[in-house]
Amino acid sequence: MSTLRNKVQLIGNLGNNPEIITLDSGKKLAKFSLATNESYKNTEGEKITNTEWHNLIAWNKTAEIVEKYLEKGNEIAIEGKLTSRSYEDKDGAKKYITEVVINELLMLGNKQ
């Protein structure tokens, strides 16, 4: 392992319709959530499913593809990098958020 990378791969379903923002520079930004599920059997043999929610960001051409083709429920696979940032909410409180910035996007199927 000579080089370590910040690389995230997820397969899941969109939790909401993407929010598309066009910046003053003309660049497009798409923001949406992705649900991933993991299942296991507990000690009683019951199937338990845990859902994790991920905040995703797409820029430029990828954002245009998201805008044109994706909606709530679509199944996708993505590859990207994990980023963290802070911002102030409307009340002036500092908030922290972790997001995945998408490098590659693959549409897998219809709504789930």
PDB file of N, CA and C in Angstrom:
ATOM      1  N   MET A   1       0.837  -1.183   0.000  1.00  0.00           N
ATOM      2  CA  MET A   1       0.000   0.000   0.000  1.00  0.00           C
ATOM      3  C   MET A   1       0.879   1.242   0.000  1.00  0.00           C
ATOM      4  N   SER A   2       1.447   1.531  -1.135  1.00  0.00           N
ATOM      5  CA  SER A   2       2.330   2.692  -1.209  1.00  0.00           C
ATOM      6  C   SER A   2       1.561   4.000  -1.212  1.00  0.00           C
ATOM      7  N   THR A   3       0.344   3.990  -1.754  1.00  0.00           N
ATOM      8  CA  THR A   3      -0.471   5.206  -1.726  1.00  0.00           C
ATOM      9  C   THR A   3      -1.852   4.879  -1.182  1.00  0.00           C
ATOM     10  N   LEU A   4      -2.291   5.690  -0.270  1.00  0.00           N
ATOM     11  CA  LEU A   4      -3.636   5.542   0.278  1.00  0.00           C
ATOM     12  C   LEU A   4      -4.529   6.554  -0.407  1.00  0.00           C
ATOM     13  N   ARG A   5      -5.775   6.176  -0.637  1.00  0.00           N
ATOM     14  CA  ARG A   5      -6.691   7.048  -1.373  1.00  0.00           C
ATOM     15  C   ARG A   5      -7.969   7.270  -0.584  1.00  0.00           C
ATOM     16  N   ASN A   6      -8.567   8.400  -0.846  1.00  0.00           N
ATOM     17  CA  ASN A   6      -9.886   8.724  -0.318  1.00  0.00           C
ATOM     18  C   ASN A   6     -10.877   8.296  -1.397  1.00  0.00           C
ATOM     19  N   LYS A   7     -11.426   7.086  -1.250  1.00  0.00           N
ATOM     20  CA  LYS A   7     -12.293   6.524  -2.283  1.00  0.00           C
ATOM     21  C   LYS A   7     -13.508   5.878  -1.633  1.00  0.00           C
ATOM     22  N   VAL A   8     -14.695   6.236  -2.126  1.00  0.00           N
ATOM     23  CA  VAL A   8     -15.952   5.708  -1.607  1.00  0.00           C
ATOM     24  C   VAL A   8     -16.721   5.082  -2.759  1.00  0.00           C
ATOM     25  N   GLN A   9     -17.267   3.885  -2.537  1.00  0.00           N
ATOM     26  CA  GLN A   9     -18.138   3.237  -3.514  1.00  0.00           C
ATOM     27  C   GLN A   9     -19.438   2.882  -2.810  1.00  0.00           C
ATOM     28  N   LEU A  10     -20.558   3.289  -3.404  1.00  0.00           N
ATOM     29  CA  LEU A  10     -21.868   3.030  -2.816  1.00  0.00           C
ATOM     30  C   LEU A  10     -22.845   2.563  -3.887  1.00  0.00           C
ATOM     31  N   ILE A  11     -23.740   1.659  -3.496  1.00  0.00           N
ATOM     32  CA  ILE A  11     -24.872   1.266  -4.334  1.00  0.00           C
ATOM     33  C   ILE A  11     -26.110   1.437  -3.469  1.00  0.00           C
ATOM     34  N   GLY A  12     -27.074   2.201  -3.983  1.00  0.00           N
ATOM     35  CA  GLY A  12     -28.278   2.436  -3.197  1.00  0.00           C
ATOM     36  C   GLY A  12     -29.348   3.139  -4.005  1.00  0.00           C
ATOM     37  N   ASN A  13     -30.346   3.645  -3.279  1.00  0.00           N
ATOM     38  CA  ASN A  13     -31.491   4.308  -3.906  1.00  0.00           C
ATOM     39  C   ASN A  13     -31.573   5.759  -3.458  1.00  0.00           C
ATOM     40  N   LEU A  14     -31.921   6.633  -4.411  1.00  0.00           N
ATOM     41  CA  LEU A  14     -32.087   8.045  -4.089  1.00  0.00           C
ATOM     42  C   LEU A  14     -33.210   8.213  -3.077  1.00  0.00           C
ATOM     43  N   GLY A  15     -32.940   8.996  -2.042  1.00  0.00           N
ATOM     44  CA  GLY A  15     -33.931   9.236  -1.002  1.00  0.00           C
ATOM     45  C   GLY A  15     -34.811  10.435  -1.280  1.00  0.00           C
ATOM     46  N   ASN A  16     -34.419  11.238  -2.259  1.00  0.00           N
ATOM     47  CA  ASN A  16     -35.192  12.428  -2.613  1.00  0.00           C
ATOM     48  C   ASN A  16     -34.875  12.809  -4.052  1.00  0.00           C
ATOM     49  N   ASN A  17     -35.693  13.671  -4.634  1.00  0.00           N
ATOM     50  CA  ASN A  17     -35.355  14.208  -5.951  1.00  0.00           C
ATOM     51  C   ASN A  17     -34.159  15.135  -5.793  1.00  0.00           C
ATOM     52  N   PRO A  18     -33.209  15.089  -6.713  1.00  0.00           N
ATOM     53  CA  PRO A  18     -32.019  15.932  -6.589  1.00  0.00           C
ATOM     54  C   PRO A  18     -32.364  17.423  -6.589  1.00  0.00           C
ATOM     55  N   GLU A  19     -31.619  18.165  -5.776  1.00  0.00           N
ATOM     56  CA  GLU A  19     -31.706  19.625  -5.776  1.00  0.00           C
ATOM     57  C   GLU A  19     -30.626  20.123  -6.736  1.00  0.00           C
ATOM     58  N   ILE A  20     -31.015  20.880  -7.742  1.00  0.00           N
ATOM     59  CA  ILE A  20     -30.075  21.380  -8.746  1.00  0.00           C
ATOM     60  C   ILE A  20     -29.858  22.870  -8.513  1.00  0.00           C
ATOM     61  N   ILE A  21     -28.587  23.251  -8.415  1.00  0.00           N
ATOM     62  CA  ILE A  21     -28.226  24.651  -8.190  1.00  0.00           C
ATOM     63  C   ILE A  21     -27.313  25.083  -9.324  1.00  0.00           C
ATOM     64  N   THR A  22     -27.635  26.211  -9.959  1.00  0.00           N
ATOM     65  CA  THR A  22     -26.750  26.793 -10.966  1.00  0.00           C
ATOM     66  C   THR A  22     -26.059  27.988 -10.320  1.00  0.00           C
ATOM     67  N   LEU A  23     -24.738  27.929 -10.233  1.00  0.00           N
ATOM     68  CA  LEU A  23     -23.961  28.992  -9.605  1.00  0.00           C
ATOM     69  C   LEU A  23     -23.814  30.181 -10.545  1.00  0.00           C
ATOM     70  N   ASP A  24     -23.409  31.324  -9.997  1.00  0.00           N
ATOM     71  CA  ASP A  24     -23.199  32.529 -10.803  1.00  0.00           C
ATOM     72  C   ASP A  24     -22.208  32.282 -11.936  1.00  0.00           C
ATOM     73  N   SER A  25     -21.260  31.374 -11.703  1.00  0.00           N
ATOM     74  CA  SER A  25     -20.246  31.056 -12.711  1.00  0.00           C
ATOM     75  C   SER A  25     -20.809  30.215 -13.854  1.00  0.00           C
ATOM     76  N   GLY A  26     -22.049  29.713 -13.680  1.00  0.00           N
ATOM     77  CA  GLY A  26     -22.662  28.853 -14.687  1.00  0.00           C
ATOM     78  C   GLY A  26     -22.496  27.372 -14.381  1.00  0.00           C
ATOM     79  N   LYS A  27     -21.635  27.035 -13.407  1.00  0.00           N
ATOM     80  CA  LYS A  27     -21.445  25.636 -13.031  1.00  0.00           C
ATOM     81  C   LYS A  27     -22.704  25.108 -12.358  1.00  0.00           C
ATOM     82  N   LYS A  28     -22.989  23.823 -12.608  1.00  0.00           N
ATOM     83  CA  LYS A  28     -24.148  23.180 -11.982  1.00  0.00           C
ATOM     84  C   LYS A  28     -23.691  22.293 -10.836  1.00  0.00           C
ATOM     85  N   LEU A  29     -24.555  22.236  -9.827  1.00  0.00           N
ATOM     86  CA  LEU A  29     -24.325  21.427  -8.641  1.00  0.00           C
ATOM     87  C   LEU A  29     -25.609  20.655  -8.358  1.00  0.00           C
ATOM     88  N   ALA A  30     -25.482  19.353  -8.137  1.00  0.00           N
ATOM     89  CA  ALA A  30     -26.630  18.524  -7.760  1.00  0.00           C
ATOM     90  C   ALA A  30     -26.386  17.975  -6.363  1.00  0.00           C
ATOM     91  N   LYS A  31     -27.401  18.083  -5.502  1.00  0.00           N
ATOM     92  CA  LYS A  31     -27.316  17.572  -4.136  1.00  0.00           C
ATOM     93  C   LYS A  31     -28.482  16.613  -3.919  1.00  0.00           C
ATOM     94  N   PHE A  32     -28.185  15.438  -3.350  1.00  0.00           N
ATOM     95  CA  PHE A  32     -29.246  14.483  -3.041  1.00  0.00           C
ATOM     96  C   PHE A  32     -28.754  13.470  -2.024  1.00  0.00           C
ATOM     97  N   SER A  33     -29.684  12.709  -1.468  1.00  0.00           N
ATOM     98  CA  SER A  33     -29.328  11.685  -0.491  1.00  0.00           C
ATOM     99  C   SER A  33     -29.446  10.302  -1.126  1.00  0.00           C
ATOM    100  N   LEU A  34     -28.642   9.381  -0.612  1.00  0.00           N
ATOM    101  CA  LEU A  34     -28.640   8.001  -1.095  1.00  0.00           C
ATOM    102  C   LEU A  34     -28.782   7.077   0.108  1.00  0.00           C
ATOM    103  N   ALA A  35     -29.697   6.116   0.015  1.00  0.00           N
ATOM    104  CA  ALA A  35     -29.899   5.122   1.071  1.00  0.00           C
ATOM    105  C   ALA A  35     -29.211   3.823   0.669  1.00  0.00           C
ATOM    106  N   THR A  36     -28.392   3.289   1.586  1.00  0.00           N
ATOM    107  CA  THR A  36     -27.799   1.968   1.388  1.00  0.00           C
ATOM    108  C   THR A  36     -28.313   1.060   2.498  1.00  0.00           C
ATOM    109  N   ASN A  37     -28.528  -0.201   2.171  1.00  0.00           N
ATOM    110  CA  ASN A  37     -29.067  -1.158   3.138  1.00  0.00           C
ATOM    111  C   ASN A  37     -28.083  -2.288   3.380  1.00  0.00           C
ATOM    112  N   GLU A  38     -28.033  -2.724   4.636  1.00  0.00           N
ATOM    113  CA  GLU A  38     -27.217  -3.868   5.012  1.00  0.00           C
ATOM    114  C   GLU A  38     -28.079  -4.769   5.884  1.00  0.00           C
ATOM    115  N   SER A  39     -28.115  -6.061   5.557  1.00  0.00           N
ATOM    116  CA  SER A  39     -28.970  -6.996   6.292  1.00  0.00           C
ATOM    117  C   SER A  39     -28.136  -8.069   6.975  1.00  0.00           C
ATOM    118  N   TYR A  40     -28.655  -8.541   8.098  1.00  0.00           N
ATOM    119  CA  TYR A  40     -28.035  -9.644   8.822  1.00  0.00           C
ATOM    120  C   TYR A  40     -29.119 -10.351   9.630  1.00  0.00           C
ATOM    121  N   LYS A  41     -28.791 -11.525  10.157  1.00  0.00           N
ATOM    122  CA  LYS A  41     -29.732 -12.247  11.013  1.00  0.00           C
ATOM    123  C   LYS A  41     -29.274 -12.106  12.461  1.00  0.00           C
ATOM    124  N   ASN A  42     -30.225 -11.779  13.336  1.00  0.00           N
ATOM    125  CA  ASN A  42     -29.888 -11.660  14.753  1.00  0.00           C
ATOM    126  C   ASN A  42     -29.834 -13.049  15.388  1.00  0.00           C
ATOM    127  N   THR A  43     -29.617 -13.097  16.700  1.00  0.00           N
ATOM    128  CA  THR A  43     -29.465 -14.386  17.383  1.00  0.00           C
ATOM    129  C   THR A  43     -30.727 -15.242  17.340  1.00  0.00           C
ATOM    130  N   GLU A  44     -31.886 -14.614  17.125  1.00  0.00           N
ATOM    131  CA  GLU A  44     -33.140 -15.364  17.004  1.00  0.00           C
ATOM    132  C   GLU A  44     -33.410 -15.789  15.560  1.00  0.00           C
ATOM    133  N   GLY A  45     -32.511 -15.456  14.642  1.00  0.00           N
ATOM    134  CA  GLY A  45     -32.682 -15.831  13.246  1.00  0.00           C
ATOM    135  C   GLY A  45     -33.526 -14.868  12.435  1.00  0.00           C
ATOM    136  N   GLU A  46     -33.908 -13.740  13.039  1.00  0.00           N
ATOM    137  CA  GLU A  46     -34.710 -12.742  12.330  1.00  0.00           C
ATOM    138  C   GLU A  46     -33.810 -11.876  11.455  1.00  0.00           C
ATOM    139  N   LYS A  47     -34.311 -11.573  10.271  1.00  0.00           N
ATOM    140  CA  LYS A  47     -33.559 -10.704   9.363  1.00  0.00           C
ATOM    141  C   LYS A  47     -33.709  -9.250   9.815  1.00  0.00           C
ATOM    142  N   ILE A  48     -32.590  -8.593  10.023  1.00  0.00           N
ATOM    143  CA  ILE A  48     -32.557  -7.188  10.429  1.00  0.00           C
ATOM    144  C   ILE A  48     -31.904  -6.394   9.303  1.00  0.00           C
ATOM    145  N   THR A  49     -32.541  -5.302   8.891  1.00  0.00           N
ATOM    146  CA  THR A  49     -31.988  -4.440   7.843  1.00  0.00           C
ATOM    147  C   THR A  49     -31.715  -3.060   8.422  1.00  0.00           C
ATOM    148  N   ASN A  50     -30.481  -2.614   8.267  1.00  0.00           N
ATOM    149  CA  ASN A  50     -30.095  -1.264   8.679  1.00  0.00           C
ATOM    150  C   ASN A  50     -29.933  -0.407   7.438  1.00  0.00           C
ATOM    151  N   THR A  51     -30.486   0.795   7.479  1.00  0.00           N
ATOM    152  CA  THR A  51     -30.360   1.744   6.374  1.00  0.00           C
ATOM    153  C   THR A  51     -29.448   2.882   6.799  1.00  0.00           C
ATOM    154  N   GLU A  52     -28.459   3.179   5.971  1.00  0.00           N
ATOM    155  CA  GLU A  52     -27.564   4.322   6.179  1.00  0.00           C
ATOM    156  C   GLU A  52     -27.882   5.359   5.116  1.00  0.00           C
ATOM    157  N   TRP A  53     -27.860   6.637   5.501  1.00  0.00           N
ATOM    158  CA  TRP A  53     -28.122   7.734   4.569  1.00  0.00           C
ATOM    159  C   TRP A  53     -26.837   8.489   4.293  1.00  0.00           C
ATOM    160  N   HIS A  54     -26.596   8.774   3.021  1.00  0.00           N
ATOM    161  CA  HIS A  54     -25.374   9.456   2.584  1.00  0.00           C
ATOM    162  C   HIS A  54     -25.752  10.713   1.805  1.00  0.00           C
ATOM    163  N   ASN A  55     -25.044  11.807   2.075  1.00  0.00           N
ATOM    164  CA  ASN A  55     -25.232  13.060   1.334  1.00  0.00           C
ATOM    165  C   ASN A  55     -24.299  13.044   0.135  1.00  0.00           C
ATOM    166  N   LEU A  56     -24.851  13.203  -1.069  1.00  0.00           N
ATOM    167  CA  LEU A  56     -24.059  13.163  -2.294  1.00  0.00           C
ATOM    168  C   LEU A  56     -24.081  14.504  -3.006  1.00  0.00           C
ATOM    169  N   ILE A  57     -22.949  14.811  -3.660  1.00  0.00           N
ATOM    170  CA  ILE A  57     -22.774  16.047  -4.429  1.00  0.00           C
ATOM    171  C   ILE A  57     -22.240  15.667  -5.808  1.00  0.00           C
ATOM    172  N   ALA A  58     -22.806  16.259  -6.850  1.00  0.00           N
ATOM    173  CA  ALA A  58     -22.299  16.068  -8.219  1.00  0.00           C
ATOM    174  C   ALA A  58     -22.105  17.442  -8.846  1.00  0.00           C
ATOM    175  N   TRP A  59     -21.042  17.589  -9.619  1.00  0.00           N
ATOM    176  CA  TRP A  59     -20.714  18.860 -10.266  1.00  0.00           C
ATOM    177  C   TRP A  59     -20.769  18.733 -11.784  1.00  0.00           C
ATOM    178  N   ASN A  60     -21.003  19.843 -12.443  1.00  0.00           N
ATOM    179  CA  ASN A  60     -20.856  20.021 -13.890  1.00  0.00           C
ATOM    180  C   ASN A  60     -21.602  18.971 -14.706  1.00  0.00           C
ATOM    181  N   LYS A  61     -20.890  18.226 -15.577  1.00  0.00           N
ATOM    182  CA  LYS A  61     -21.546  17.252 -16.471  1.00  0.00           C
ATOM    183  C   LYS A  61     -22.284  16.175 -15.680  1.00  0.00           C
ATOM    184  N   THR A  62     -21.683  15.733 -14.580  1.00  0.00           N
ATOM    185  CA  THR A  62     -22.358  14.720 -13.762  1.00  0.00           C
ATOM    186  C   THR A  62     -23.643  15.290 -13.176  1.00  0.00           C
ATOM    187  N   ALA A  63     -23.614  16.554 -12.757  1.00  0.00           N
ATOM    188  CA  ALA A  63     -24.823  17.212 -12.237  1.00  0.00           C
ATOM    189  C   ALA A  63     -25.892  17.314 -13.322  1.00  0.00           C
ATOM    190  N   GLU A  64     -25.479  17.556 -14.550  1.00  0.00           N
ATOM    191  CA  GLU A  64     -26.441  17.625 -15.661  1.00  0.00           C
ATOM    192  C   GLU A  64     -27.106  16.270 -15.898  1.00  0.00           C
ATOM    193  N   ILE A  65     -26.329  15.189 -15.792  1.00  0.00           N
ATOM    194  CA  ILE A  65     -26.879  13.837 -15.938  1.00  0.00           C
ATOM    195  C   ILE A  65     -27.862  13.549 -14.806  1.00  0.00           C
ATOM    196  N   VAL A  66     -27.472  13.917 -13.586  1.00  0.00           N
ATOM    197  CA  VAL A  66     -28.354  13.739 -12.428  1.00  0.00           C
ATOM    198  C   VAL A  66     -29.668  14.481 -12.652  1.00  0.00           C
ATOM    199  N   GLU A  67     -29.571  15.736 -13.094  1.00  0.00           N
ATOM    200  CA  GLU A  67     -30.762  16.560 -13.323  1.00  0.00           C
ATOM    201  C   GLU A  67     -31.688  15.936 -14.369  1.00  0.00           C
ATOM    202  N   LYS A  68     -31.098  15.405 -15.424  1.00  0.00           N
ATOM    203  CA  LYS A  68     -31.880  14.900 -16.551  1.00  0.00           C
ATOM    204  C   LYS A  68     -32.507  13.528 -16.288  1.00  0.00           C
ATOM    205  N   TYR A  69     -31.796  12.661 -15.569  1.00  0.00           N
ATOM    206  CA  TYR A  69     -32.220  11.261 -15.511  1.00  0.00           C
ATOM    207  C   TYR A  69     -32.623  10.720 -14.137  1.00  0.00           C
ATOM    208  N   LEU A  70     -32.223  11.365 -13.051  1.00  0.00           N
ATOM    209  CA  LEU A  70     -32.443  10.749 -11.739  1.00  0.00           C
ATOM    210  C   LEU A  70     -33.599  11.379 -10.975  1.00  0.00           C
ATOM    211  N   GLU A  71     -34.292  10.529 -10.222  1.00  0.00           N
ATOM    212  CA  GLU A  71     -35.360  10.987  -9.337  1.00  0.00           C
ATOM    213  C   GLU A  71     -35.431  10.044  -8.144  1.00  0.00           C
ATOM    214  N   LYS A  72     -36.195  10.450  -7.158  1.00  0.00           N
ATOM    215  CA  LYS A  72     -36.346   9.678  -5.931  1.00  0.00           C
ATOM    216  C   LYS A  72     -36.660   8.217  -6.250  1.00  0.00           C
ATOM    217  N   GLY A  73     -35.933   7.304  -5.589  1.00  0.00           N
ATOM    218  CA  GLY A  73     -36.167   5.877  -5.752  1.00  0.00           C
ATOM    219  C   GLY A  73     -35.245   5.189  -6.726  1.00  0.00           C
ATOM    220  N   ASN A  74     -34.615   5.937  -7.663  1.00  0.00           N
ATOM    221  CA  ASN A  74     -33.718   5.313  -8.638  1.00  0.00           C
ATOM    222  C   ASN A  74     -32.554   4.615  -7.942  1.00  0.00           C
ATOM    223  N   GLU A  75     -32.157   3.458  -8.469  1.00  0.00           N
ATOM    224  CA  GLU A  75     -30.995   2.740  -7.952  1.00  0.00           C
ATOM    225  C   GLU A  75     -29.771   3.143  -8.761  1.00  0.00           C
ATOM    226  N   ILE A  76     -28.699   3.518  -8.053  1.00  0.00           N
ATOM    227  CA  ILE A  76     -27.460   3.934  -8.711  1.00  0.00           C
ATOM    228  C   ILE A  76     -26.253   3.350  -7.983  1.00  0.00           C
ATOM    229  N   ALA A  77     -25.133   3.335  -8.689  1.00  0.00           N
ATOM    230  CA  ALA A  77     -23.831   3.036  -8.097  1.00  0.00           C
ATOM    231  C   ALA A  77     -22.968   4.266  -8.319  1.00  0.00           C
ATOM    232  N   ILE A  78     -22.223   4.647  -7.288  1.00  0.00           N
ATOM    233  CA  ILE A  78     -21.350   5.808  -7.436  1.00  0.00           C
ATOM    234  C   ILE A  78     -19.960   5.486  -6.902  1.00  0.00           C
ATOM    235  N   GLU A  79     -19.005   6.243  -7.395  1.00  0.00           N
ATOM    236  CA  GLU A  79     -17.664   6.240  -6.836  1.00  0.00           C
ATOM    237  C   GLU A  79     -17.290   7.696  -6.645  1.00  0.00           C
ATOM    238  N   GLY A  80     -16.679   8.000  -5.528  1.00  0.00           N
ATOM    239  CA  GLY A  80     -16.318   9.385  -5.264  1.00  0.00           C
ATOM    240  C   GLY A  80     -15.370   9.489  -4.097  1.00  0.00           C
ATOM    241  N   LYS A  81     -15.264  10.710  -3.548  1.00  0.00           N
ATOM    242  CA  LYS A  81     -14.394  10.927  -2.397  1.00  0.00           C
ATOM    243  C   LYS A  81     -15.196  11.542  -1.261  1.00  0.00           C
ATOM    244  N   LEU A  82     -14.797  11.211  -0.047  1.00  0.00           N
ATOM    245  CA  LEU A  82     -15.459  11.699   1.148  1.00  0.00           C
ATOM    246  C   LEU A  82     -14.906  13.073   1.515  1.00  0.00           C
ATOM    247  N   THR A  83     -15.799  14.041   1.725  1.00  0.00           N
ATOM    248  CA  THR A  83     -15.383  15.387   2.119  1.00  0.00           C
ATOM    249  C   THR A  83     -16.195  15.835   3.332  1.00  0.00           C
ATOM    250  N   SER A  84     -15.598  16.685   4.136  1.00  0.00           N
ATOM    251  CA  SER A  84     -16.276  17.267   5.293  1.00  0.00           C
ATOM    252  C   SER A  84     -16.131  18.771   5.238  1.00  0.00           C
ATOM    253  N   ARG A  85     -17.161  19.471   5.686  1.00  0.00           N
ATOM    254  CA  ARG A  85     -17.113  20.934   5.710  1.00  0.00           C
ATOM    255  C   ARG A  85     -18.022  21.437   6.819  1.00  0.00           C
ATOM    256  N   SER A  86     -17.879  22.715   7.127  1.00  0.00           N
ATOM    257  CA  SER A  86     -18.754  23.343   8.112  1.00  0.00           C
ATOM    258  C   SER A  86     -19.419  24.554   7.479  1.00  0.00           C
ATOM    259  N   TYR A  87     -20.542  24.949   8.051  1.00  0.00           N
ATOM    260  CA  TYR A  87     -21.274  26.126   7.583  1.00  0.00           C
ATOM    261  C   TYR A  87     -22.092  26.667   8.750  1.00  0.00           C
ATOM    262  N   GLU A  88     -22.604  27.875   8.591  1.00  0.00           N
ATOM    263  CA  GLU A  88     -23.476  28.457   9.609  1.00  0.00           C
ATOM    264  C   GLU A  88     -24.919  28.370   9.137  1.00  0.00           C
ATOM    265  N   ASP A  89     -25.798  27.892  10.028  1.00  0.00           N
ATOM    266  CA  ASP A  89     -27.213  27.824   9.665  1.00  0.00           C
ATOM    267  C   ASP A  89     -27.852  29.205   9.804  1.00  0.00           C
ATOM    268  N   LYS A  90     -29.147  29.286   9.540  1.00  0.00           N
ATOM    269  CA  LYS A  90     -29.839  30.584   9.535  1.00  0.00           C
ATOM    270  C   LYS A  90     -29.829  31.263  10.898  1.00  0.00           C
ATOM    271  N   ASP A  91     -29.607  30.476  11.972  1.00  0.00           N
ATOM    272  CA  ASP A  91     -29.546  31.044  13.319  1.00  0.00           C
ATOM    273  C   ASP A  91     -28.120  31.364  13.751  1.00  0.00           C
ATOM    274  N   GLY A  92     -27.154  31.155  12.846  1.00  0.00           N
ATOM    275  CA  GLY A  92     -25.760  31.452  13.152  1.00  0.00           C
ATOM    276  C   GLY A  92     -25.013  30.333  13.852  1.00  0.00           C
ATOM    277  N   ALA A  93     -25.651  29.175  14.023  1.00  0.00           N
ATOM    278  CA  ALA A  93     -24.993  28.038  14.670  1.00  0.00           C
ATOM    279  C   ALA A  93     -24.107  27.320  13.659  1.00  0.00           C
ATOM    280  N   LYS A  94     -22.917  26.919  14.104  1.00  0.00           N
ATOM    281  CA  LYS A  94     -21.995  26.211  13.221  1.00  0.00           C
ATOM    282  C   LYS A  94     -22.440  24.757  13.086  1.00  0.00           C
ATOM    283  N   LYS A  95     -22.563  24.288  11.853  1.00  0.00           N
ATOM    284  CA  LYS A  95     -22.974  22.915  11.550  1.00  0.00           C
ATOM    285  C   LYS A  95     -21.864  22.233  10.751  1.00  0.00           C
ATOM    286  N   TYR A  96     -21.782  20.922  10.898  1.00  0.00           N
ATOM    287  CA  TYR A  96     -20.794  20.131  10.175  1.00  0.00           C
ATOM    288  C   TYR A  96     -21.520  19.104   9.317  1.00  0.00           C
ATOM    289  N   ILE A  97     -20.988  18.852   8.138  1.00  0.00           N
ATOM    290  CA  ILE A  97     -21.609  17.887   7.230  1.00  0.00           C
ATOM    291  C   ILE A  97     -20.514  17.096   6.511  1.00  0.00           C
ATOM    292  N   THR A  98     -20.788  15.820   6.300  1.00  0.00           N
ATOM    293  CA  THR A  98     -19.906  14.960   5.514  1.00  0.00           C
ATOM    294  C   THR A  98     -20.662  14.582   4.248  1.00  0.00           C
ATOM    295  N   GLU A  99     -19.990  14.720   3.104  1.00  0.00           N
ATOM    296  CA  GLU A  99     -20.615  14.462   1.803  1.00  0.00           C
ATOM    297  C   GLU A  99     -19.686  13.609   0.947  1.00  0.00           C
ATOM    298  N   VAL A 100     -20.276  12.927  -0.020  1.00  0.00           N
ATOM    299  CA  VAL A 100     -19.502  12.206  -1.022  1.00  0.00           C
ATOM    300  C   VAL A 100     -19.593  13.003  -2.319  1.00  0.00           C
ATOM    301  N   VAL A 101     -18.436  13.415  -2.840  1.00  0.00           N
ATOM    302  CA  VAL A 101     -18.378  14.116  -4.122  1.00  0.00           C
ATOM    303  C   VAL A 101     -18.197  13.052  -5.198  1.00  0.00           C
ATOM    304  N   ILE A 102     -19.164  12.964  -6.108  1.00  0.00           N
ATOM    305  CA  ILE A 102     -19.204  11.889  -7.100  1.00  0.00           C
ATOM    306  C   ILE A 102     -18.198  12.124  -8.224  1.00  0.00           C
ATOM    307  N   ASN A 103     -17.400  11.078  -8.513  1.00  0.00           N
ATOM    308  CA  ASN A 103     -16.509  11.072  -9.676  1.00  0.00           C
ATOM    309  C   ASN A 103     -17.117  10.269 -10.821  1.00  0.00           C
ATOM    310  N   GLU A 104     -17.777   9.155 -10.466  1.00  0.00           N
ATOM    311  CA  GLU A 104     -18.395   8.285 -11.470  1.00  0.00           C
ATOM    312  C   GLU A 104     -19.789   7.893 -11.004  1.00  0.00           C
ATOM    313  N   LEU A 105     -20.700   7.788 -11.966  1.00  0.00           N
ATOM    314  CA  LEU A 105     -22.099   7.471 -11.671  1.00  0.00           C
ATOM    315  C   LEU A 105     -22.591   6.435 -12.669  1.00  0.00           C
ATOM    316  N   LEU A 106     -23.256   5.394 -12.157  1.00  0.00           N
ATOM    317  CA  LEU A 106     -23.831   4.359 -13.002  1.00  0.00           C
ATOM    318  C   LEU A 106     -25.288   4.172 -12.594  1.00  0.00           C
ATOM    319  N   MET A 107     -26.191   4.308 -13.558  1.00  0.00           N
ATOM    320  CA  MET A 107     -27.612   4.086 -13.288  1.00  0.00           C
ATOM    321  C   MET A 107     -27.887   2.594 -13.414  1.00  0.00           C
ATOM    322  N   LEU A 108     -28.444   1.985 -12.364  1.00  0.00           N
ATOM    323  CA  LEU A 108     -28.602   0.531 -12.320  1.00  0.00           C
ATOM    324  C   LEU A 108     -30.000   0.049 -12.648  1.00  0.00           C
ATOM    325  N   GLY A 109     -31.000   0.794 -12.293  1.00  0.00           N
ATOM    326  CA  GLY A 109     -32.346   0.293 -12.520  1.00  0.00           C
ATOM    327  C   GLY A 109     -33.376   1.365 -12.302  1.00  0.00           C
ATOM    328  N   ASN A 110     -34.609   0.931 -12.256  1.00  0.00           N
ATOM    329  CA  ASN A 110     -35.726   1.838 -12.047  1.00  0.00           C
ATOM    330  C   ASN A 110     -35.924   2.107 -10.569  1.00  0.00           C
ATOM    331  N   LYS A 111     -37.004   2.781 -10.261  1.00  0.00           N
ATOM    332  CA  LYS A 111     -37.330   3.090  -8.870  1.00  0.00           C
ATOM    333  C   LYS A 111     -37.517   1.806  -8.085  1.00  0.00           C
ATOM    334  N   GLN A 112     -37.132   1.860  -6.823  1.00  0.00           N
ATOM    335  CA  GLN A 112     -37.317   0.730  -5.907  1.00  0.00           C
ATOM    336  C   GLN A 112     -38.398   1.064  -4.917  1.00  0.00           C
TER     337      GLN A 112
END
